[in-house]
Amino acid sequence: MHRQPIESSVLAEVGYDQQRRLLEVKLVGGAVYQYLDVPAREFMALLAADSSGRHYNTKIKPNYEYRQVS
């Protein structure tokens, strides 16, 4: 999956697969997580957020099933 850099103290890169509704995030520390069944609007909200790290920690991380991939 293609990930794009994002300006954040928490996130380094983010990517989204609309067909699979899969959000992939690479954290600043290097770990990569995939979040399952994430609507496209949630990905767009992450990109548009004043603080993408805060949005990730409050809206995505606690609300979607995930798996660590690296």
PDB file of N, CA and C in Angstrom:
ATOM      1  N   MET A   1       0.846  -1.178   0.000  1.00  0.00           N
ATOM      2  CA  MET A   1       0.000   0.000   0.000  1.00  0.00           C
ATOM      3  C   MET A   1       0.892   1.242   0.000  1.00  0.00           C
ATOM      4  N   HIS A   2       0.526   2.205  -0.801  1.00  0.00           N
ATOM      5  CA  HIS A   2       1.264   3.470  -0.832  1.00  0.00           C
ATOM      6  C   HIS A   2       0.887   4.300   0.392  1.00  0.00           C
ATOM      7  N   ARG A   3       1.894   4.759   1.110  1.00  0.00           N
ATOM      8  CA  ARG A   3       1.674   5.663   2.243  1.00  0.00           C
ATOM      9  C   ARG A   3       2.278   7.011   1.904  1.00  0.00           C
ATOM     10  N   GLN A   4       1.650   8.058   2.404  1.00  0.00           N
ATOM     11  CA  GLN A   4       2.157   9.408   2.190  1.00  0.00           C
ATOM     12  C   GLN A   4       2.657   9.983   3.506  1.00  0.00           C
ATOM     13  N   PRO A   5       3.718  10.779   3.447  1.00  0.00           N
ATOM     14  CA  PRO A   5       4.201  11.429   4.670  1.00  0.00           C
ATOM     15  C   PRO A   5       3.131  12.367   5.226  1.00  0.00           C
ATOM     16  N   ILE A   6       3.112  12.511   6.534  1.00  0.00           N
ATOM     17  CA  ILE A   6       2.161  13.405   7.186  1.00  0.00           C
ATOM     18  C   ILE A   6       2.906  14.172   8.277  1.00  0.00           C
ATOM     19  N   GLU A   7       2.560  15.437   8.422  1.00  0.00           N
ATOM     20  CA  GLU A   7       3.215  16.270   9.426  1.00  0.00           C
ATOM     21  C   GLU A   7       2.577  16.012  10.784  1.00  0.00           C
ATOM     22  N   SER A   8       3.316  15.342  11.652  1.00  0.00           N
ATOM     23  CA  SER A   8       2.789  14.952  12.953  1.00  0.00           C
ATOM     24  C   SER A   8       3.940  14.551  13.863  1.00  0.00           C
ATOM     25  N   SER A   9       3.758  14.745  15.155  1.00  0.00           N
ATOM     26  CA  SER A   9       4.762  14.265  16.109  1.00  0.00           C
ATOM     27  C   SER A   9       4.520  12.794  16.465  1.00  0.00           C
ATOM     28  N   VAL A  10       3.388  12.249  16.031  1.00  0.00           N
ATOM     29  CA  VAL A  10       3.014  10.862  16.334  1.00  0.00           C
ATOM     30  C   VAL A  10       3.127   9.976  15.090  1.00  0.00           C
ATOM     31  N   LEU A  11       2.601  10.454  13.977  1.00  0.00           N
ATOM     32  CA  LEU A  11       2.529   9.684  12.737  1.00  0.00           C
ATOM     33  C   LEU A  11       3.601  10.128  11.752  1.00  0.00           C
ATOM     34  N   ALA A  12       4.203   9.171  11.060  1.00  0.00           N
ATOM     35  CA  ALA A  12       5.185   9.488  10.022  1.00  0.00           C
ATOM     36  C   ALA A  12       4.555   9.411   8.628  1.00  0.00           C
ATOM     37  N   GLU A  13       3.715   8.380   8.409  1.00  0.00           N
ATOM     38  CA  GLU A  13       3.088   8.158   7.107  1.00  0.00           C
ATOM     39  C   GLU A  13       1.709   7.544   7.306  1.00  0.00           C
ATOM     40  N   VAL A  14       0.827   7.810   6.344  1.00  0.00           N
ATOM     41  CA  VAL A  14      -0.503   7.203   6.357  1.00  0.00           C
ATOM     42  C   VAL A  14      -0.878   6.783   4.941  1.00  0.00           C
ATOM     43  N   GLY A  15      -1.659   5.712   4.847  1.00  0.00           N
ATOM     44  CA  GLY A  15      -2.161   5.253   3.565  1.00  0.00           C
ATOM     45  C   GLY A  15      -3.549   4.662   3.749  1.00  0.00           C
ATOM     46  N   TYR A  16      -4.299   4.600   2.647  1.00  0.00           N
ATOM     47  CA  TYR A  16      -5.669   4.087   2.742  1.00  0.00           C
ATOM     48  C   TYR A  16      -6.007   3.295   1.490  1.00  0.00           C
ATOM     49  N   ASP A  17      -6.600   2.137   1.673  1.00  0.00           N
ATOM     50  CA  ASP A  17      -7.110   1.307   0.586  1.00  0.00           C
ATOM     51  C   ASP A  17      -8.629   1.356   0.674  1.00  0.00           C
ATOM     52  N   GLN A  18      -9.231   2.098  -0.255  1.00  0.00           N
ATOM     53  CA  GLN A  18     -10.677   2.313  -0.200  1.00  0.00           C
ATOM     54  C   GLN A  18     -11.461   1.024  -0.443  1.00  0.00           C
ATOM     55  N   GLN A  19     -10.974   0.164  -1.325  1.00  0.00           N
ATOM     56  CA  GLN A  19     -11.687  -1.085  -1.609  1.00  0.00           C
ATOM     57  C   GLN A  19     -11.760  -1.981  -0.375  1.00  0.00           C
ATOM     58  N   ARG A  20     -10.656  -2.059   0.365  1.00  0.00           N
ATOM     59  CA  ARG A  20     -10.610  -2.919   1.555  1.00  0.00           C
ATOM     60  C   ARG A  20     -10.942  -2.172   2.844  1.00  0.00           C
ATOM     61  N   ARG A  21     -11.147  -0.852   2.739  1.00  0.00           N
ATOM     62  CA  ARG A  21     -11.423   0.003   3.908  1.00  0.00           C
ATOM     63  C   ARG A  21     -10.338  -0.195   4.974  1.00  0.00           C
ATOM     64  N   LEU A  22      -9.099  -0.156   4.508  1.00  0.00           N
ATOM     65  CA  LEU A  22      -7.941  -0.442   5.347  1.00  0.00           C
ATOM     66  C   LEU A  22      -7.080   0.814   5.474  1.00  0.00           C
ATOM     67  N   LEU A  23      -6.882   1.250   6.692  1.00  0.00           N
ATOM     68  CA  LEU A  23      -6.018   2.392   6.991  1.00  0.00           C
ATOM     69  C   LEU A  23      -4.693   1.855   7.510  1.00  0.00           C
ATOM     70  N   GLU A  24      -3.605   2.309   6.919  1.00  0.00           N
ATOM     71  CA  GLU A  24      -2.280   1.888   7.378  1.00  0.00           C
ATOM     72  C   GLU A  24      -1.529   3.111   7.878  1.00  0.00           C
ATOM     73  N   VAL A  25      -0.963   3.015   9.064  1.00  0.00           N
ATOM     74  CA  VAL A  25      -0.203   4.123   9.635  1.00  0.00           C
ATOM     75  C   VAL A  25       1.185   3.638  10.030  1.00  0.00           C
ATOM     76  N   LYS A  26       2.158   4.480   9.766  1.00  0.00           N
ATOM     77  CA  LYS A  26       3.516   4.246  10.257  1.00  0.00           C
ATOM     78  C   LYS A  26       3.771   5.305  11.314  1.00  0.00           C
ATOM     79  N   LEU A  27       4.095   4.861  12.504  1.00  0.00           N
ATOM     80  CA  LEU A  27       4.354   5.779  13.600  1.00  0.00           C
ATOM     81  C   LEU A  27       5.771   6.338  13.491  1.00  0.00           C
ATOM     82  N   VAL A  28       6.009   7.446  14.165  1.00  0.00           N
ATOM     83  CA  VAL A  28       7.327   8.075  14.157  1.00  0.00           C
ATOM     84  C   VAL A  28       8.401   7.088  14.611  1.00  0.00           C
ATOM     85  N   GLY A  29       8.083   6.228  15.552  1.00  0.00           N
ATOM     86  CA  GLY A  29       9.035   5.233  16.046  1.00  0.00           C
ATOM     87  C   GLY A  29       9.316   4.093  15.082  1.00  0.00           C
ATOM     88  N   GLY A  30       8.541   3.994  13.989  1.00  0.00           N
ATOM     89  CA  GLY A  30       8.779   2.982  12.965  1.00  0.00           C
ATOM     90  C   GLY A  30       7.767   1.855  12.892  1.00  0.00           C
ATOM     91  N   ALA A  31       6.960   1.655  13.922  1.00  0.00           N
ATOM     92  CA  ALA A  31       5.950   0.587  13.900  1.00  0.00           C
ATOM     93  C   ALA A  31       4.869   0.904  12.863  1.00  0.00           C
ATOM     94  N   VAL A  32       4.370  -0.146  12.209  1.00  0.00           N
ATOM     95  CA  VAL A  32       3.316   0.007  11.206  1.00  0.00           C
ATOM     96  C   VAL A  32       2.095  -0.782  11.665  1.00  0.00           C
ATOM     97  N   TYR A  33       0.935  -0.130  11.618  1.00  0.00           N
ATOM     98  CA  TYR A  33      -0.329  -0.745  12.016  1.00  0.00           C
ATOM     99  C   TYR A  33      -1.332  -0.613  10.880  1.00  0.00           C
ATOM    100  N   GLN A  34      -2.189  -1.615  10.755  1.00  0.00           N
ATOM    101  CA  GLN A  34      -3.319  -1.569   9.831  1.00  0.00           C
ATOM    102  C   GLN A  34      -4.603  -1.575  10.649  1.00  0.00           C
ATOM    103  N   TYR A  35      -5.476  -0.631  10.346  1.00  0.00           N
ATOM    104  CA  TYR A  35      -6.776  -0.518  11.008  1.00  0.00           C
ATOM    105  C   TYR A  35      -7.842  -0.977  10.033  1.00  0.00           C
ATOM    106  N   LEU A  36      -8.724  -1.851  10.507  1.00  0.00           N
ATOM    107  CA  LEU A  36      -9.679  -2.549   9.656  1.00  0.00           C
ATOM    108  C   LEU A  36     -11.039  -1.868   9.640  1.00  0.00           C
ATOM    109  N   ASP A  37     -11.689  -1.931   8.477  1.00  0.00           N
ATOM    110  CA  ASP A  37     -13.054  -1.438   8.290  1.00  0.00           C
ATOM    111  C   ASP A  37     -13.190   0.049   8.640  1.00  0.00           C
ATOM    112  N   VAL A  38     -12.228   0.835   8.182  1.00  0.00           N
ATOM    113  CA  VAL A  38     -12.228   2.284   8.427  1.00  0.00           C
ATOM    114  C   VAL A  38     -12.888   2.970   7.230  1.00  0.00           C
ATOM    115  N   PRO A  39     -13.931   3.767   7.463  1.00  0.00           N
ATOM    116  CA  PRO A  39     -14.573   4.470   6.352  1.00  0.00           C
ATOM    117  C   PRO A  39     -13.647   5.534   5.751  1.00  0.00           C
ATOM    118  N   ALA A  40     -13.826   5.799   4.466  1.00  0.00           N
ATOM    119  CA  ALA A  40     -13.014   6.804   3.778  1.00  0.00           C
ATOM    120  C   ALA A  40     -13.125   8.162   4.462  1.00  0.00           C
ATOM    121  N   ARG A  41     -14.300   8.490   4.985  1.00  0.00           N
ATOM    122  CA  ARG A  41     -14.474   9.794   5.644  1.00  0.00           C
ATOM    123  C   ARG A  41     -13.569   9.931   6.865  1.00  0.00           C
ATOM    124  N   GLU A  42     -13.288   8.816   7.527  1.00  0.00           N
ATOM    125  CA  GLU A  42     -12.390   8.857   8.687  1.00  0.00           C
ATOM    126  C   GLU A  42     -10.957   9.144   8.246  1.00  0.00           C
ATOM    127  N   PHE A  43     -10.549   8.553   7.131  1.00  0.00           N
ATOM    128  CA  PHE A  43      -9.221   8.836   6.585  1.00  0.00           C
ATOM    129  C   PHE A  43      -9.116  10.305   6.185  1.00  0.00           C
ATOM    130  N   MET A  44     -10.142  10.820   5.525  1.00  0.00           N
ATOM    131  CA  MET A  44     -10.132  12.227   5.116  1.00  0.00           C
ATOM    132  C   MET A  44     -10.108  13.151   6.332  1.00  0.00           C
ATOM    133  N   ALA A  45     -10.831  12.785   7.373  1.00  0.00           N
ATOM    134  CA  ALA A  45     -10.825  13.581   8.606  1.00  0.00           C
ATOM    135  C   ALA A  45      -9.439  13.576   9.245  1.00  0.00           C
ATOM    136  N   LEU A  46      -8.748  12.450   9.184  1.00  0.00           N
ATOM    137  CA  LEU A  46      -7.384  12.368   9.708  1.00  0.00           C
ATOM    138  C   LEU A  46      -6.466  13.328   8.954  1.00  0.00           C
ATOM    139  N   LEU A  47      -6.571  13.335   7.629  1.00  0.00           N
ATOM    140  CA  LEU A  47      -5.729  14.219   6.823  1.00  0.00           C
ATOM    141  C   LEU A  47      -6.052  15.690   7.063  1.00  0.00           C
ATOM    142  N   ALA A  48      -7.313  16.003   7.325  1.00  0.00           N
ATOM    143  CA  ALA A  48      -7.746  17.394   7.486  1.00  0.00           C
ATOM    144  C   ALA A  48      -7.624  17.910   8.915  1.00  0.00           C
ATOM    145  N   ALA A  49      -7.368  17.048   9.859  1.00  0.00           N
ATOM    146  CA  ALA A  49      -7.361  17.436  11.277  1.00  0.00           C
ATOM    147  C   ALA A  49      -6.259  18.449  11.579  1.00  0.00           C
ATOM    148  N   ASP A  50      -6.562  19.375  12.486  1.00  0.00           N
ATOM    149  CA  ASP A  50      -5.545  20.326  12.949  1.00  0.00           C
ATOM    150  C   ASP A  50      -4.380  19.579  13.587  1.00  0.00           C
ATOM    151  N   SER A  51      -4.684  18.515  14.314  1.00  0.00           N
ATOM    152  CA  SER A  51      -3.657  17.660  14.916  1.00  0.00           C
ATOM    153  C   SER A  51      -3.953  16.220  14.505  1.00  0.00           C
ATOM    154  N   SER A  52      -3.213  15.730  13.530  1.00  0.00           N
ATOM    155  CA  SER A  52      -3.461  14.358  13.071  1.00  0.00           C
ATOM    156  C   SER A  52      -3.132  13.347  14.165  1.00  0.00           C
ATOM    157  N   GLY A  53      -2.146  13.633  14.987  1.00  0.00           N
ATOM    158  CA  GLY A  53      -1.804  12.736  16.090  1.00  0.00           C
ATOM    159  C   GLY A  53      -2.924  12.626  17.102  1.00  0.00           C
ATOM    160  N   ARG A  54      -3.536  13.751  17.437  1.00  0.00           N
ATOM    161  CA  ARG A  54      -4.662  13.743  18.377  1.00  0.00           C
ATOM    162  C   ARG A  54      -5.851  13.005  17.767  1.00  0.00           C
ATOM    163  N   HIS A  55      -6.125  13.256  16.492  1.00  0.00           N
ATOM    164  CA  HIS A  55      -7.235  12.572  15.820  1.00  0.00           C
ATOM    165  C   HIS A  55      -6.996  11.056  15.833  1.00  0.00           C
ATOM    166  N   TYR A  56      -5.789  10.655  15.515  1.00  0.00           N
ATOM    167  CA  TYR A  56      -5.436   9.231  15.524  1.00  0.00           C
ATOM    168  C   TYR A  56      -5.650   8.624  16.912  1.00  0.00           C
ATOM    169  N   ASN A  57      -5.150   9.292  17.933  1.00  0.00           N
ATOM    170  CA  ASN A  57      -5.221   8.758  19.301  1.00  0.00           C
ATOM    171  C   ASN A  57      -6.627   8.750  19.889  1.00  0.00           C
ATOM    172  N   THR A  58      -7.499   9.657  19.449  1.00  0.00           N
ATOM    173  CA  THR A  58      -8.841   9.743  20.040  1.00  0.00           C
ATOM    174  C   THR A  58      -9.946   9.165  19.164  1.00  0.00           C
ATOM    175  N   LYS A  59      -9.776   9.176  17.856  1.00  0.00           N
ATOM    176  CA  LYS A  59     -10.856   8.747  16.953  1.00  0.00           C
ATOM    177  C   LYS A  59     -10.590   7.418  16.246  1.00  0.00           C
ATOM    178  N   ILE A  60      -9.339   7.091  16.031  1.00  0.00           N
ATOM    179  CA  ILE A  60      -9.020   5.885  15.264  1.00  0.00           C
ATOM    180  C   ILE A  60      -8.528   4.757  16.164  1.00  0.00           C
ATOM    181  N   LYS A  61      -7.472   5.014  16.891  1.00  0.00           N
ATOM    182  CA  LYS A  61      -6.841   3.971  17.714  1.00  0.00           C
ATOM    183  C   LYS A  61      -7.823   3.252  18.651  1.00  0.00           C
ATOM    184  N   PRO A  62      -8.693   3.965  19.383  1.00  0.00           N
ATOM    185  CA  PRO A  62      -9.587   3.250  20.307  1.00  0.00           C
ATOM    186  C   PRO A  62     -10.850   2.672  19.657  1.00  0.00           C
ATOM    187  N   ASN A  63     -11.106   2.996  18.390  1.00  0.00           N
ATOM    188  CA  ASN A  63     -12.398   2.646  17.804  1.00  0.00           C
ATOM    189  C   ASN A  63     -12.368   1.611  16.684  1.00  0.00           C
ATOM    190  N   TYR A  64     -11.191   1.232  16.211  1.00  0.00           N
ATOM    191  CA  TYR A  64     -11.107   0.292  15.097  1.00  0.00           C
ATOM    192  C   TYR A  64     -10.178  -0.865  15.454  1.00  0.00           C
ATOM    193  N   GLU A  65     -10.564  -2.038  14.999  1.00  0.00           N
ATOM    194  CA  GLU A  65      -9.711  -3.218  15.175  1.00  0.00           C
ATOM    195  C   GLU A  65      -8.431  -3.013  14.369  1.00  0.00           C
ATOM    196  N   TYR A  66      -7.321  -3.488  14.885  1.00  0.00           N
ATOM    197  CA  TYR A  66      -6.045  -3.277  14.200  1.00  0.00           C
ATOM    198  C   TYR A  66      -5.137  -4.488  14.340  1.00  0.00           C
ATOM    199  N   ARG A  67      -4.098  -4.474  13.512  1.00  0.00           N
ATOM    200  CA  ARG A  67      -3.025  -5.463  13.625  1.00  0.00           C
ATOM    201  C   ARG A  67      -1.706  -4.752  13.345  1.00  0.00           C
ATOM    202  N   GLN A  68      -0.683  -5.168  14.058  1.00  0.00           N
ATOM    203  CA  GLN A  68       0.646  -4.612  13.823  1.00  0.00           C
ATOM    204  C   GLN A  68       1.299  -5.429  12.724  1.00  0.00           C
ATOM    205  N   VAL A  69       1.847  -4.752  11.721  1.00  0.00           N
ATOM    206  CA  VAL A  69       2.466  -5.460  10.599  1.00  0.00           C
ATOM    207  C   VAL A  69       3.985  -5.320  10.591  1.00  0.00           C
ATOM    208  N   SER A  70       4.517  -4.410  11.354  1.00  0.00           N
ATOM    209  CA  SER A  70       5.983  -4.325  11.526  1.00  0.00           C
ATOM    210  C   SER A  70       6.315  -3.407  12.678  1.00  0.00           C
TER     211      SER A  70
END
